[in-house]
Amino acid sequence: MAINNKDFNVFGRTITTTKCRNESLNGIHGIVIEETANTVKVLTLTGSVKTVIKEDCWFYVDIGNCTYLISGRKLRKTGKSFSMKKQ
């Protein structure tokens, strides 16, 4: 399965952080409850919410029955590729 970062988002997916510049962010595991162009907010198993800068980490992302290792730089979105329409 090829992952196209223009269409791909991690909202609602289970992720685990790894290889973060800030070592205290390594190993955060949970469900993404909010995604912006540059950050993700993760609800952990303990109920806390952690904000992680995408560019500073790599992420294990569960998609179906597979887990992918994805660079946070590939998840960053800019301009129209991340715009959300209000209804």
C-alpha atoms as a PDB file:
ATOM      1  CA  MET A   1       0.000   0.000   0.000  1.00  0.00           C
ATOM      2  CA  ALA A   2       1.474   3.324  -1.042  1.00  0.00           C
ATOM      3  CA  ILE A   3       0.823   6.255   1.256  1.00  0.00           C
ATOM      4  CA  ASN A   4       0.270   9.588  -0.460  1.00  0.00           C
ATOM      5  CA  ASN A   5       0.853  12.379   2.059  1.00  0.00           C
ATOM      6  CA  LYS A   6      -1.451  14.754   0.153  1.00  0.00           C
ATOM      7  CA  ASP A   7      -4.464  12.607   1.000  1.00  0.00           C
ATOM      8  CA  PHE A   8      -3.248  10.890   4.152  1.00  0.00           C
ATOM      9  CA  ASN A   9      -4.099  11.989   7.678  1.00  0.00           C
ATOM     10  CA  VAL A  10      -3.597  10.270  10.994  1.00  0.00           C
ATOM     11  CA  PHE A  11      -6.761  11.544  12.698  1.00  0.00           C
ATOM     12  CA  GLY A  12      -8.420   8.680  14.572  1.00  0.00           C
ATOM     13  CA  ARG A  13      -5.517   6.304  14.003  1.00  0.00           C
ATOM     14  CA  THR A  14      -3.389   4.609  16.633  1.00  0.00           C
ATOM     15  CA  ILE A  15       0.188   5.908  16.592  1.00  0.00           C
ATOM     16  CA  THR A  16       3.419   5.548  18.546  1.00  0.00           C
ATOM     17  CA  THR A  17       6.188   8.160  18.448  1.00  0.00           C
ATOM     18  CA  THR A  18       9.835   7.242  17.948  1.00  0.00           C
ATOM     19  CA  LYS A  19      13.150   8.890  17.032  1.00  0.00           C
ATOM     20  CA  CYS A  20      11.955  12.278  18.366  1.00  0.00           C
ATOM     21  CA  ARG A  21      14.375  15.196  18.724  1.00  0.00           C
ATOM     22  CA  ASN A  22      12.944  15.700  22.210  1.00  0.00           C
ATOM     23  CA  GLU A  23      13.589  12.283  23.747  1.00  0.00           C
ATOM     24  CA  SER A  24      10.803  12.738  26.304  1.00  0.00           C
ATOM     25  CA  LEU A  25       8.310  12.408  23.418  1.00  0.00           C
ATOM     26  CA  ASN A  26       9.560   8.963  22.379  1.00  0.00           C
ATOM     27  CA  GLY A  27       7.101   6.156  23.030  1.00  0.00           C
ATOM     28  CA  ILE A  28       3.892   8.198  23.197  1.00  0.00           C
ATOM     29  CA  HIS A  29       1.178   5.739  22.208  1.00  0.00           C
ATOM     30  CA  GLY A  30      -2.480   6.423  21.648  1.00  0.00           C
ATOM     31  CA  ILE A  31      -5.186   7.682  19.324  1.00  0.00           C
ATOM     32  CA  VAL A  32      -4.840  10.917  17.379  1.00  0.00           C
ATOM     33  CA  ILE A  33      -7.688  13.193  18.475  1.00  0.00           C
ATOM     34  CA  GLU A  34      -6.602  16.320  16.589  1.00  0.00           C
ATOM     35  CA  GLU A  35      -4.341  16.966  13.627  1.00  0.00           C
ATOM     36  CA  THR A  36      -3.113  20.309  12.349  1.00  0.00           C
ATOM     37  CA  ALA A  37      -0.681  21.041   9.532  1.00  0.00           C
ATOM     38  CA  ASN A  38       2.303  20.739  11.883  1.00  0.00           C
ATOM     39  CA  THR A  39       1.149  18.888  15.014  1.00  0.00           C
ATOM     40  CA  VAL A  40      -0.875  15.962  16.292  1.00  0.00           C
ATOM     41  CA  LYS A  41      -2.626  15.621  19.649  1.00  0.00           C
ATOM     42  CA  VAL A  42      -2.587  12.103  21.018  1.00  0.00           C
ATOM     43  CA  LEU A  43      -4.931  10.722  23.665  1.00  0.00           C
ATOM     44  CA  THR A  44      -2.808   8.217  25.573  1.00  0.00           C
ATOM     45  CA  LEU A  45      -3.941   5.077  27.368  1.00  0.00           C
ATOM     46  CA  THR A  46      -3.636   6.921  30.700  1.00  0.00           C
ATOM     47  CA  GLY A  47      -6.072   9.604  29.510  1.00  0.00           C
ATOM     48  CA  SER A  48      -3.564  12.406  29.072  1.00  0.00           C
ATOM     49  CA  VAL A  49      -3.317  14.446  25.873  1.00  0.00           C
ATOM     50  CA  LYS A  50       0.123  15.043  24.358  1.00  0.00           C
ATOM     51  CA  THR A  51       0.900  17.487  21.562  1.00  0.00           C
ATOM     52  CA  VAL A  52       3.672  16.365  19.222  1.00  0.00           C
ATOM     53  CA  ILE A  53       5.323  18.402  16.465  1.00  0.00           C
ATOM     54  CA  LYS A  54       5.245  16.262  13.332  1.00  0.00           C
ATOM     55  CA  GLU A  55       8.560  17.414  11.917  1.00  0.00           C
ATOM     56  CA  ASP A  56      10.439  16.418  15.083  1.00  0.00           C
ATOM     57  CA  CYS A  57       9.379  12.747  15.193  1.00  0.00           C
ATOM     58  CA  TRP A  58       8.838   9.538  13.321  1.00  0.00           C
ATOM     59  CA  PHE A  59       5.545   7.715  13.818  1.00  0.00           C
ATOM     60  CA  TYR A  60       4.447   4.105  13.815  1.00  0.00           C
ATOM     61  CA  VAL A  61       0.940   4.331  12.349  1.00  0.00           C
ATOM     62  CA  ASP A  62      -1.545   1.450  12.458  1.00  0.00           C
ATOM     63  CA  ILE A  63      -3.491   1.159   9.221  1.00  0.00           C
ATOM     64  CA  GLY A  64      -5.739  -1.860   9.029  1.00  0.00           C
ATOM     65  CA  ASN A  65      -3.713  -4.850  10.150  1.00  0.00           C
ATOM     66  CA  CYS A  66      -0.355  -3.256   9.232  1.00  0.00           C
ATOM     67  CA  THR A  67       1.939  -0.826  11.031  1.00  0.00           C
ATOM     68  CA  TYR A  68       3.957   1.682   9.014  1.00  0.00           C
ATOM     69  CA  LEU A  69       6.937   3.796  10.085  1.00  0.00           C
ATOM     70  CA  ILE A  70       6.392   7.291   8.663  1.00  0.00           C
ATOM     71  CA  SER A  71       8.540  10.411   8.949  1.00  0.00           C
ATOM     72  CA  GLY A  72       6.677  13.306  10.513  1.00  0.00           C
ATOM     73  CA  ARG A  73       8.078  15.496   7.742  1.00  0.00           C
ATOM     74  CA  LYS A  74       6.022  13.441   5.274  1.00  0.00           C
ATOM     75  CA  LEU A  75       2.901  14.067   7.374  1.00  0.00           C
ATOM     76  CA  ARG A  76       3.281  17.852   7.389  1.00  0.00           C
ATOM     77  CA  LYS A  77       0.677  19.583   5.266  1.00  0.00           C
ATOM     78  CA  THR A  78       0.563  23.071   3.873  1.00  0.00           C
ATOM     79  CA  GLY A  79      -1.825  25.316   2.017  1.00  0.00           C
ATOM     80  CA  LYS A  80      -4.673  23.752   0.080  1.00  0.00           C
ATOM     81  CA  SER A  81      -3.593  20.183   0.816  1.00  0.00           C
ATOM     82  CA  PHE A  82      -4.694  20.686   4.427  1.00  0.00           C
ATOM     83  CA  SER A  83      -7.482  23.216   4.163  1.00  0.00           C
ATOM     84  CA  MET A  84     -10.765  22.243   5.795  1.00  0.00           C
ATOM     85  CA  LYS A  85     -14.097  23.573   4.566  1.00  0.00           C
ATOM     86  CA  LYS A  86     -16.652  24.826   7.086  1.00  0.00           C
ATOM     87  CA  GLN A  87     -20.195  23.711   6.457  1.00  0.00           C
END
